[in-house]
Amino acid sequence: TDLKFASTPNLKVDVVFLCLGHGNSARFLTEFMFGD
């Protein structure tokens, strides 16, 4: 792959996987509000 790490998430993807340390997912979802 030629992919590079992104500095901001795309909030309009079809699915997002959260692979964060325990306790960080809620914080992330509060900062970045994905749509329905």
PDB file of all heavy atoms in Angstrom:
ATOM      1  N   THR A   1       0.834  -1.198   0.000  1.00  0.00           N
ATOM      2  CA  THR A   1       0.000   0.000   0.000  1.00  0.00           C
ATOM      3  C   THR A   1       0.868   1.248   0.000  1.00  0.00           C
ATOM      4  O   THR A   1       1.964   1.251   0.568  1.00  0.00           O
ATOM      5  CB  THR A   1      -0.939   0.023   1.225  1.00  0.00           C
ATOM      6  OG1 THR A   1      -1.715   1.239   1.199  1.00  0.00           O
ATOM      7  CG2 THR A   1      -0.166  -0.028   2.534  1.00  0.00           C
ATOM      8  N   ASP A   2       0.349   2.305  -0.633  1.00  0.00           N
ATOM      9  CA  ASP A   2       1.007   3.615  -0.612  1.00  0.00           C
ATOM     10  C   ASP A   2       0.313   4.558   0.355  1.00  0.00           C
ATOM     11  O   ASP A   2       0.619   5.756   0.398  1.00  0.00           O
ATOM     12  CB  ASP A   2       0.997   4.229  -2.022  1.00  0.00           C
ATOM     13  CG  ASP A   2       1.833   3.428  -3.010  1.00  0.00           C
ATOM     14  OD1 ASP A   2       2.872   2.878  -2.590  1.00  0.00           O
ATOM     15  OD2 ASP A   2       1.438   3.338  -4.188  1.00  0.00           O
ATOM     16  N   LEU A   3      -0.621   4.055   1.128  1.00  0.00           N
ATOM     17  CA  LEU A   3      -1.356   4.885   2.075  1.00  0.00           C
ATOM     18  C   LEU A   3      -0.423   5.546   3.084  1.00  0.00           C
ATOM     19  O   LEU A   3       0.589   4.969   3.490  1.00  0.00           O
ATOM     20  CB  LEU A   3      -2.374   4.037   2.836  1.00  0.00           C
ATOM     21  CG  LEU A   3      -3.727   3.749   2.169  1.00  0.00           C
ATOM     22  CD1 LEU A   3      -4.481   2.709   2.990  1.00  0.00           C
ATOM     23  CD2 LEU A   3      -4.552   5.030   2.049  1.00  0.00           C
ATOM     24  N   LYS A   4      -0.818   6.761   3.496  1.00  0.00           N
ATOM     25  CA  LYS A   4      -0.119   7.460   4.566  1.00  0.00           C
ATOM     26  C   LYS A   4      -1.112   7.765   5.692  1.00  0.00           C
ATOM     27  O   LYS A   4      -2.318   7.854   5.459  1.00  0.00           O
ATOM     28  CB  LYS A   4       0.494   8.763   4.047  1.00  0.00           C
ATOM     29  CG  LYS A   4       1.602   8.556   3.029  1.00  0.00           C
ATOM     30  CD  LYS A   4       2.211   9.880   2.606  1.00  0.00           C
ATOM     31  CE  LYS A   4       3.349   9.639   1.614  1.00  0.00           C
ATOM     32  NZ  LYS A   4       3.981  10.921   1.191  1.00  0.00           N
ATOM     33  N   PHE A   5      -0.590   7.888   6.892  1.00  0.00           N
ATOM     34  CA  PHE A   5      -1.446   8.239   8.020  1.00  0.00           C
ATOM     35  C   PHE A   5      -2.021   9.633   7.818  1.00  0.00           C
ATOM     36  O   PHE A   5      -1.310  10.562   7.414  1.00  0.00           O
ATOM     37  CB  PHE A   5      -0.662   8.177   9.331  1.00  0.00           C
ATOM     38  CG  PHE A   5      -0.343   6.784   9.786  1.00  0.00           C
ATOM     39  CD1 PHE A   5       0.938   6.268   9.640  1.00  0.00           C
ATOM     40  CD2 PHE A   5      -1.311   5.983  10.360  1.00  0.00           C
ATOM     41  CE1 PHE A   5       1.251   4.988  10.057  1.00  0.00           C
ATOM     42  CE2 PHE A   5      -1.018   4.698  10.784  1.00  0.00           C
ATOM     43  CZ  PHE A   5       0.261   4.202  10.624  1.00  0.00           C
ATOM     44  N   ALA A   6      -3.320   9.779   8.110  1.00  0.00           N
ATOM     45  CA  ALA A   6      -4.013  11.056   7.934  1.00  0.00           C
ATOM     46  C   ALA A   6      -4.012  11.854   9.234  1.00  0.00           C
ATOM     47  O   ALA A   6      -3.988  11.283  10.329  1.00  0.00           O
ATOM     48  CB  ALA A   6      -5.444  10.809   7.482  1.00  0.00           C
ATOM     49  N   SER A   7      -4.058  13.159   9.099  1.00  0.00           N
ATOM     50  CA  SER A   7      -4.074  14.037  10.278  1.00  0.00           C
ATOM     51  C   SER A   7      -5.491  14.333  10.742  1.00  0.00           C
ATOM     52  O   SER A   7      -5.703  14.772  11.875  1.00  0.00           O
ATOM     53  CB  SER A   7      -3.348  15.348   9.967  1.00  0.00           C
ATOM     54  OG  SER A   7      -3.956  15.993   8.857  1.00  0.00           O
ATOM     55  N   THR A   8      -6.477  14.102   9.859  1.00  0.00           N
ATOM     56  CA  THR A   8      -7.885  14.305  10.222  1.00  0.00           C
ATOM     57  C   THR A   8      -8.715  13.151   9.648  1.00  0.00           C
ATOM     58  O   THR A   8      -8.422  12.650   8.564  1.00  0.00           O
ATOM     59  CB  THR A   8      -8.437  15.633   9.669  1.00  0.00           C
ATOM     60  OG1 THR A   8      -8.252  15.658   8.243  1.00  0.00           O
ATOM     61  CG2 THR A   8      -7.731  16.822  10.302  1.00  0.00           C
ATOM     62  N   PRO A   9      -9.748  12.731  10.356  1.00  0.00           N
ATOM     63  CA  PRO A   9     -10.614  11.663   9.835  1.00  0.00           C
ATOM     64  C   PRO A   9     -11.666  12.216   8.882  1.00  0.00           C
ATOM     65  O   PRO A   9     -12.087  13.363   9.005  1.00  0.00           O
ATOM     66  CB  PRO A   9     -11.262  11.100  11.100  1.00  0.00           C
ATOM     67  CG  PRO A   9     -11.323  12.281  12.030  1.00  0.00           C
ATOM     68  CD  PRO A   9     -10.109  13.114  11.731  1.00  0.00           C
ATOM     69  N   ASN A  10     -12.088  11.391   7.934  1.00  0.00           N
ATOM     70  CA  ASN A  10     -13.208  11.735   7.062  1.00  0.00           C
ATOM     71  C   ASN A  10     -14.485  11.298   7.771  1.00  0.00           C
ATOM     72  O   ASN A  10     -14.710  10.095   7.976  1.00  0.00           O
ATOM     73  CB  ASN A  10     -13.061  11.020   5.716  1.00  0.00           C
ATOM     74  CG  ASN A  10     -14.260  11.262   4.797  1.00  0.00           C
ATOM     75  OD1 ASN A  10     -15.145  12.044   5.102  1.00  0.00           O
ATOM     76  ND2 ASN A  10     -14.278  10.561   3.673  1.00  0.00           N
ATOM     77  N   LEU A  11     -15.324  12.255   8.139  1.00  0.00           N
ATOM     78  CA  LEU A  11     -16.518  11.954   8.933  1.00  0.00           C
ATOM     79  C   LEU A  11     -17.671  11.393   8.105  1.00  0.00           C
ATOM     80  O   LEU A  11     -18.744  11.132   8.647  1.00  0.00           O
ATOM     81  CB  LEU A  11     -16.977  13.209   9.677  1.00  0.00           C
ATOM     82  CG  LEU A  11     -15.950  13.840  10.632  1.00  0.00           C
ATOM     83  CD1 LEU A  11     -16.555  15.036  11.346  1.00  0.00           C
ATOM     84  CD2 LEU A  11     -15.447  12.811  11.633  1.00  0.00           C
ATOM     85  N   LYS A  12     -17.437  11.175   6.797  1.00  0.00           N
ATOM     86  CA  LYS A  12     -18.514  10.697   5.933  1.00  0.00           C
ATOM     87  C   LYS A  12     -18.237   9.305   5.355  1.00  0.00           C
ATOM     88  O   LYS A  12     -18.861   8.903   4.368  1.00  0.00           O
ATOM     89  CB  LYS A  12     -18.759  11.697   4.804  1.00  0.00           C
ATOM     90  CG  LYS A  12     -19.269  13.051   5.299  1.00  0.00           C
ATOM     91  CD  LYS A  12     -19.561  13.993   4.144  1.00  0.00           C
ATOM     92  CE  LYS A  12     -20.095  15.334   4.651  1.00  0.00           C
ATOM     93  NZ  LYS A  12     -20.405  16.258   3.535  1.00  0.00           N
ATOM     94  N   VAL A  13     -17.306   8.563   5.955  1.00  0.00           N
ATOM     95  CA  VAL A  13     -17.052   7.199   5.482  1.00  0.00           C
ATOM     96  C   VAL A  13     -18.240   6.305   5.826  1.00  0.00           C
ATOM     97  O   VAL A  13     -19.084   6.644   6.664  1.00  0.00           O
ATOM     98  CB  VAL A  13     -15.759   6.619   6.088  1.00  0.00           C
ATOM     99  CG1 VAL A  13     -14.533   7.329   5.539  1.00  0.00           C
ATOM    100  CG2 VAL A  13     -15.800   6.692   7.621  1.00  0.00           C
ATOM    101  N   ASP A  14     -18.291   5.143   5.188  1.00  0.00           N
ATOM    102  CA  ASP A  14     -19.387   4.202   5.450  1.00  0.00           C
ATOM    103  C   ASP A  14     -19.218   3.496   6.790  1.00  0.00           C
ATOM    104  O   ASP A  14     -20.202   3.184   7.474  1.00  0.00           O
ATOM    105  CB  ASP A  14     -19.459   3.161   4.329  1.00  0.00           C
ATOM    106  CG  ASP A  14     -19.745   3.787   2.973  1.00  0.00           C
ATOM    107  OD1 ASP A  14     -20.676   4.601   2.886  1.00  0.00           O
ATOM    108  OD2 ASP A  14     -19.015   3.464   2.017  1.00  0.00           O
ATOM    109  N   VAL A  15     -17.967   3.204   7.155  1.00  0.00           N
ATOM    110  CA  VAL A  15     -17.696   2.522   8.421  1.00  0.00           C
ATOM    111  C   VAL A  15     -16.366   3.001   8.972  1.00  0.00           C
ATOM    112  O   VAL A  15     -15.419   3.251   8.216  1.00  0.00           O
ATOM    113  CB  VAL A  15     -17.686   0.985   8.238  1.00  0.00           C
ATOM    114  CG1 VAL A  15     -16.595   0.546   7.260  1.00  0.00           C
ATOM    115  CG2 VAL A  15     -17.536   0.266   9.559  1.00  0.00           C
ATOM    116  N   VAL A  16     -16.306   3.155  10.274  1.00  0.00           N
ATOM    117  CA  VAL A  16     -15.056   3.526  10.926  1.00  0.00           C
ATOM    118  C   VAL A  16     -14.764   2.527  12.037  1.00  0.00           C
ATOM    119  O   VAL A  16     -15.660   2.136  12.805  1.00  0.00           O
ATOM    120  CB  VAL A  16     -15.104   4.970  11.494  1.00  0.00           C
ATOM    121  CG1 VAL A  16     -16.185   5.132  12.555  1.00  0.00           C
ATOM    122  CG2 VAL A  16     -13.738   5.381  12.036  1.00  0.00           C
ATOM    123  N   PHE A  17     -13.517   2.062  12.087  1.00  0.00           N
ATOM    124  CA  PHE A  17     -13.060   1.150  13.127  1.00  0.00           C
ATOM    125  C   PHE A  17     -12.247   1.949  14.140  1.00  0.00           C
ATOM    126  O   PHE A  17     -11.277   2.625  13.767  1.00  0.00           O
ATOM    127  CB  PHE A  17     -12.176   0.049  12.530  1.00  0.00           C
ATOM    128  CG  PHE A  17     -12.876  -0.867  11.567  1.00  0.00           C
ATOM    129  CD1 PHE A  17     -12.950  -0.551  10.213  1.00  0.00           C
ATOM    130  CD2 PHE A  17     -13.450  -2.053  12.003  1.00  0.00           C
ATOM    131  CE1 PHE A  17     -13.576  -1.397   9.319  1.00  0.00           C
ATOM    132  CE2 PHE A  17     -14.091  -2.907  11.112  1.00  0.00           C
ATOM    133  CZ  PHE A  17     -14.155  -2.575   9.763  1.00  0.00           C
ATOM    134  N   LEU A  18     -12.619   1.856  15.404  1.00  0.00           N
ATOM    135  CA  LEU A  18     -11.890   2.554  16.462  1.00  0.00           C
ATOM    136  C   LEU A  18     -10.958   1.575  17.153  1.00  0.00           C
ATOM    137  O   LEU A  18     -11.402   0.669  17.853  1.00  0.00           O
ATOM    138  CB  LEU A  18     -12.865   3.157  17.470  1.00  0.00           C
ATOM    139  CG  LEU A  18     -13.908   4.132  16.915  1.00  0.00           C
ATOM    140  CD1 LEU A  18     -14.757   4.700  18.054  1.00  0.00           C
ATOM    141  CD2 LEU A  18     -13.259   5.254  16.118  1.00  0.00           C
ATOM    142  N   CYS A  19      -9.655   1.748  16.931  1.00  0.00           N
ATOM    143  CA  CYS A  19      -8.637   0.877  17.528  1.00  0.00           C
ATOM    144  C   CYS A  19      -7.834   1.665  18.547  1.00  0.00           C
ATOM    145  O   CYS A  19      -6.595   1.719  18.496  1.00  0.00           O
ATOM    146  CB  CYS A  19      -7.717   0.319  16.442  1.00  0.00           C
ATOM    147  SG  CYS A  19      -8.556  -0.583  15.142  1.00  0.00           S
ATOM    148  N   LEU A  20      -8.531   2.297  19.452  1.00  0.00           N
ATOM    149  CA  LEU A  20      -7.912   3.172  20.432  1.00  0.00           C
ATOM    150  C   LEU A  20      -7.743   2.470  21.766  1.00  0.00           C
ATOM    151  O   LEU A  20      -8.406   1.472  22.051  1.00  0.00           O
ATOM    152  CB  LEU A  20      -8.775   4.426  20.615  1.00  0.00           C
ATOM    153  CG  LEU A  20      -8.953   5.289  19.361  1.00  0.00           C
ATOM    154  CD1 LEU A  20     -10.072   6.296  19.569  1.00  0.00           C
ATOM    155  CD2 LEU A  20      -7.653   5.992  19.007  1.00  0.00           C
ATOM    156  N   GLY A  21      -6.863   3.008  22.596  1.00  0.00           N
ATOM    157  CA  GLY A  21      -6.695   2.471  23.938  1.00  0.00           C
ATOM    158  C   GLY A  21      -7.971   2.620  24.742  1.00  0.00           C
ATOM    159  O   GLY A  21      -8.784   3.521  24.499  1.00  0.00           O
ATOM    160  N   HIS A  22      -8.156   1.714  25.685  1.00  0.00           N
ATOM    161  CA  HIS A  22      -9.370   1.731  26.487  1.00  0.00           C
ATOM    162  C   HIS A  22      -9.532   3.089  27.183  1.00  0.00           C
ATOM    163  O   HIS A  22      -8.620   3.597  27.800  1.00  0.00           O
ATOM    164  CB  HIS A  22      -9.330   0.615  27.524  1.00  0.00           C
ATOM    165  CG  HIS A  22      -9.235  -0.748  26.909  1.00  0.00           C
ATOM    166  ND1 HIS A  22     -10.048  -1.154  25.881  1.00  0.00           N
ATOM    167  CD2 HIS A  22      -8.420  -1.802  27.173  1.00  0.00           C
ATOM    168  CE1 HIS A  22      -9.746  -2.393  25.535  1.00  0.00           C
ATOM    169  NE2 HIS A  22      -8.760  -2.801  26.297  1.00  0.00           N
ATOM    170  N   GLY A  23     -10.732   3.655  27.033  1.00  0.00           N
ATOM    171  CA  GLY A  23     -11.019   4.962  27.621  1.00  0.00           C
ATOM    172  C   GLY A  23     -10.929   6.106  26.641  1.00  0.00           C
ATOM    173  O   GLY A  23     -11.316   7.234  26.974  1.00  0.00           O
ATOM    174  N   ASN A  24     -10.454   5.839  25.411  1.00  0.00           N
ATOM    175  CA  ASN A  24     -10.249   6.924  24.448  1.00  0.00           C
ATOM    176  C   ASN A  24     -11.319   7.009  23.371  1.00  0.00           C
ATOM    177  O   ASN A  24     -11.412   8.017  22.675  1.00  0.00           O
ATOM    178  CB  ASN A  24      -8.876   6.774  23.771  1.00  0.00           C
ATOM    179  CG  ASN A  24      -7.733   6.986  24.744  1.00  0.00           C
ATOM    180  OD1 ASN A  24      -7.818   7.814  25.644  1.00  0.00           O
ATOM    181  ND2 ASN A  24      -6.659   6.234  24.566  1.00  0.00           N
ATOM    182  N   SER A  25     -12.121   5.969  23.199  1.00  0.00           N
ATOM    183  CA  SER A  25     -13.123   5.984  22.130  1.00  0.00           C
ATOM    184  C   SER A  25     -14.192   7.044  22.369  1.00  0.00           C
ATOM    185  O   SER A  25     -14.571   7.785  21.452  1.00  0.00           O
ATOM    186  CB  SER A  25     -13.777   4.603  22.001  1.00  0.00           C
ATOM    187  OG  SER A  25     -12.865   3.654  21.513  1.00  0.00           O
ATOM    188  N   ALA A  26     -14.700   7.130  23.590  1.00  0.00           N
ATOM    189  CA  ALA A  26     -15.726   8.127  23.896  1.00  0.00           C
ATOM    190  C   ALA A  26     -15.188   9.530  23.689  1.00  0.00           C
ATOM    191  O   ALA A  26     -15.878  10.407  23.147  1.00  0.00           O
ATOM    192  CB  ALA A  26     -16.226   7.946  25.333  1.00  0.00           C
ATOM    193  N   ARG A  27     -13.955   9.758  24.088  1.00  0.00           N
ATOM    194  CA  ARG A  27     -13.330  11.068  23.907  1.00  0.00           C
ATOM    195  C   ARG A  27     -13.220  11.404  22.423  1.00  0.00           C
ATOM    196  O   ARG A  27     -13.509  12.527  22.006  1.00  0.00           O
ATOM    197  CB  ARG A  27     -11.954  11.075  24.564  1.00  0.00           C
ATOM    198  CG  ARG A  27     -11.297  12.436  24.625  1.00  0.00           C
ATOM    199  CD  ARG A  27      -9.930  12.381  25.293  1.00  0.00           C
ATOM    200  NE  ARG A  27     -10.015  11.815  26.636  1.00  0.00           N
ATOM    201  CZ  ARG A  27      -9.463  10.674  26.996  1.00  0.00           C
ATOM    202  NH1 ARG A  27      -8.769   9.963  26.137  1.00  0.00           N
ATOM    203  NH2 ARG A  27      -9.585  10.234  28.238  1.00  0.00           N
ATOM    204  N   PHE A  28     -12.824  10.430  21.625  1.00  0.00           N
ATOM    205  CA  PHE A  28     -12.689  10.658  20.188  1.00  0.00           C
ATOM    206  C   PHE A  28     -14.046  10.953  19.551  1.00  0.00           C
ATOM    207  O   PHE A  28     -14.170  11.878  18.739  1.00  0.00           O
ATOM    208  CB  PHE A  28     -12.042   9.438  19.518  1.00  0.00           C
ATOM    209  CG  PHE A  28     -11.883   9.586  18.039  1.00  0.00           C
ATOM    210  CD1 PHE A  28     -10.767  10.219  17.503  1.00  0.00           C
ATOM    211  CD2 PHE A  28     -12.864   9.103  17.167  1.00  0.00           C
ATOM    212  CE1 PHE A  28     -10.630  10.369  16.130  1.00  0.00           C
ATOM    213  CE2 PHE A  28     -12.726   9.251  15.797  1.00  0.00           C
ATOM    214  CZ  PHE A  28     -11.600   9.891  15.283  1.00  0.00           C
ATOM    215  N   LEU A  29     -15.072  10.177  19.895  1.00  0.00           N
ATOM    216  CA  LEU A  29     -16.393  10.363  19.297  1.00  0.00           C
ATOM    217  C   LEU A  29     -17.047  11.656  19.744  1.00  0.00           C
ATOM    218  O   LEU A  29     -17.951  12.174  19.068  1.00  0.00           O
ATOM    219  CB  LEU A  29     -17.292   9.170  19.642  1.00  0.00           C
ATOM    220  CG  LEU A  29     -16.909   7.840  18.990  1.00  0.00           C
ATOM    221  CD1 LEU A  29     -17.817   6.724  19.486  1.00  0.00           C
ATOM    222  CD2 LEU A  29     -16.961   7.933  17.462  1.00  0.00           C
ATOM    223  N   THR A  30     -16.616  12.193  20.878  1.00  0.00           N
ATOM    224  CA  THR A  30     -17.106  13.494  21.322  1.00  0.00           C
ATOM    225  C   THR A  30     -16.480  14.614  20.504  1.00  0.00           C
ATOM    226  O   THR A  30     -17.132  15.601  20.151  1.00  0.00           O
ATOM    227  CB  THR A  30     -16.797  13.711  22.811  1.00  0.00           C
ATOM    228  OG1 THR A  30     -17.433  12.684  23.580  1.00  0.00           O
ATOM    229  CG2 THR A  30     -17.289  15.062  23.294  1.00  0.00           C
ATOM    230  N   GLU A  31     -15.215  14.439  20.156  1.00  0.00           N
ATOM    231  CA  GLU A  31     -14.496  15.443  19.366  1.00  0.00           C
ATOM    232  C   GLU A  31     -14.847  15.372  17.891  1.00  0.00           C
ATOM    233  O   GLU A  31     -14.972  16.392  17.205  1.00  0.00           O
ATOM    234  CB  GLU A  31     -12.992  15.273  19.532  1.00  0.00           C
ATOM    235  CG  GLU A  31     -12.167  16.312  18.798  1.00  0.00           C
ATOM    236  CD  GLU A  31     -10.676  16.169  19.052  1.00  0.00           C
ATOM    237  OE1 GLU A  31     -10.290  15.312  19.877  1.00  0.00           O
ATOM    238  OE2 GLU A  31      -9.902  16.928  18.418  1.00  0.00           O
ATOM    239  N   PHE A  32     -15.028  14.159  17.370  1.00  0.00           N
ATOM    240  CA  PHE A  32     -15.337  13.967  15.953  1.00  0.00           C
ATOM    241  C   PHE A  32     -16.703  13.302  15.832  1.00  0.00           C
ATOM    242  O   PHE A  32     -16.850  12.113  16.128  1.00  0.00           O
ATOM    243  CB  PHE A  32     -14.260  13.119  15.272  1.00  0.00           C
ATOM    244  CG  PHE A  32     -12.891  13.738  15.292  1.00  0.00           C
ATOM    245  CD1 PHE A  32     -11.965  13.358  16.248  1.00  0.00           C
ATOM    246  CD2 PHE A  32     -12.542  14.715  14.372  1.00  0.00           C
ATOM    247  CE1 PHE A  32     -10.700  13.928  16.280  1.00  0.00           C
ATOM    248  CE2 PHE A  32     -11.284  15.294  14.397  1.00  0.00           C
ATOM    249  CZ  PHE A  32     -10.363  14.903  15.347  1.00  0.00           C
ATOM    250  N   MET A  33     -17.683  14.065  15.398  1.00  0.00           N
ATOM    251  CA  MET A  33     -19.067  13.596  15.365  1.00  0.00           C
ATOM    252  C   MET A  33     -19.399  12.989  14.000  1.00  0.00           C
ATOM    253  O   MET A  33     -19.652  13.701  13.024  1.00  0.00           O
ATOM    254  CB  MET A  33     -20.014  14.764  15.664  1.00  0.00           C
ATOM    255  CG  MET A  33     -19.739  15.463  16.990  1.00  0.00           C
ATOM    256  SD  MET A  33     -20.136  14.428  18.409  1.00  0.00           S
ATOM    257  CE  MET A  33     -21.918  14.412  18.317  1.00  0.00           C
ATOM    258  N   PHE A  34     -19.373  11.667  13.925  1.00  0.00           N
ATOM    259  CA  PHE A  34     -19.761  10.973  12.696  1.00  0.00           C
ATOM    260  C   PHE A  34     -21.281  10.990  12.556  1.00  0.00           C
ATOM    261  O   PHE A  34     -22.014  10.903  13.543  1.00  0.00           O
ATOM    262  CB  PHE A  34     -19.265   9.531  12.716  1.00  0.00           C
ATOM    263  CG  PHE A  34     -17.779   9.394  12.585  1.00  0.00           C
ATOM    264  CD1 PHE A  34     -16.966   9.389  13.703  1.00  0.00           C
ATOM    265  CD2 PHE A  34     -17.187   9.291  11.336  1.00  0.00           C
ATOM    266  CE1 PHE A  34     -15.587   9.274  13.593  1.00  0.00           C
ATOM    267  CE2 PHE A  34     -15.812   9.172  11.207  1.00  0.00           C
ATOM    268  CZ  PHE A  34     -15.010   9.167  12.336  1.00  0.00           C
ATOM    269  N   GLY A  35     -21.755  11.086  11.320  1.00  0.00           N
ATOM    270  CA  GLY A  35     -23.185  11.123  11.066  1.00  0.00           C
ATOM    271  C   GLY A  35     -23.835   9.762  11.187  1.00  0.00           C
ATOM    272  O   GLY A  35     -23.164   8.729  11.350  1.00  0.00           O
ATOM    273  N   ASP A  36     -25.153   9.755  11.050  1.00  0.00           N
ATOM    274  CA  ASP A  36     -25.906   8.510  11.191  1.00  0.00           C
ATOM    275  C   ASP A  36     -25.626   7.528  10.062  1.00  0.00           C
ATOM    276  O   ASP A  36     -25.936   6.341  10.182  1.00  0.00           O
ATOM    277  CB  ASP A  36     -27.408   8.814  11.252  1.00  0.00           C
ATOM    278  CG  ASP A  36     -27.813   9.499  12.546  1.00  0.00           C
ATOM    279  OD1 ASP A  36     -27.060   9.371  13.534  1.00  0.00           O
ATOM    280  OD2 ASP A  36     -28.867  10.165  12.562  1.00  0.00           O
TER     281      ASP A  36
END
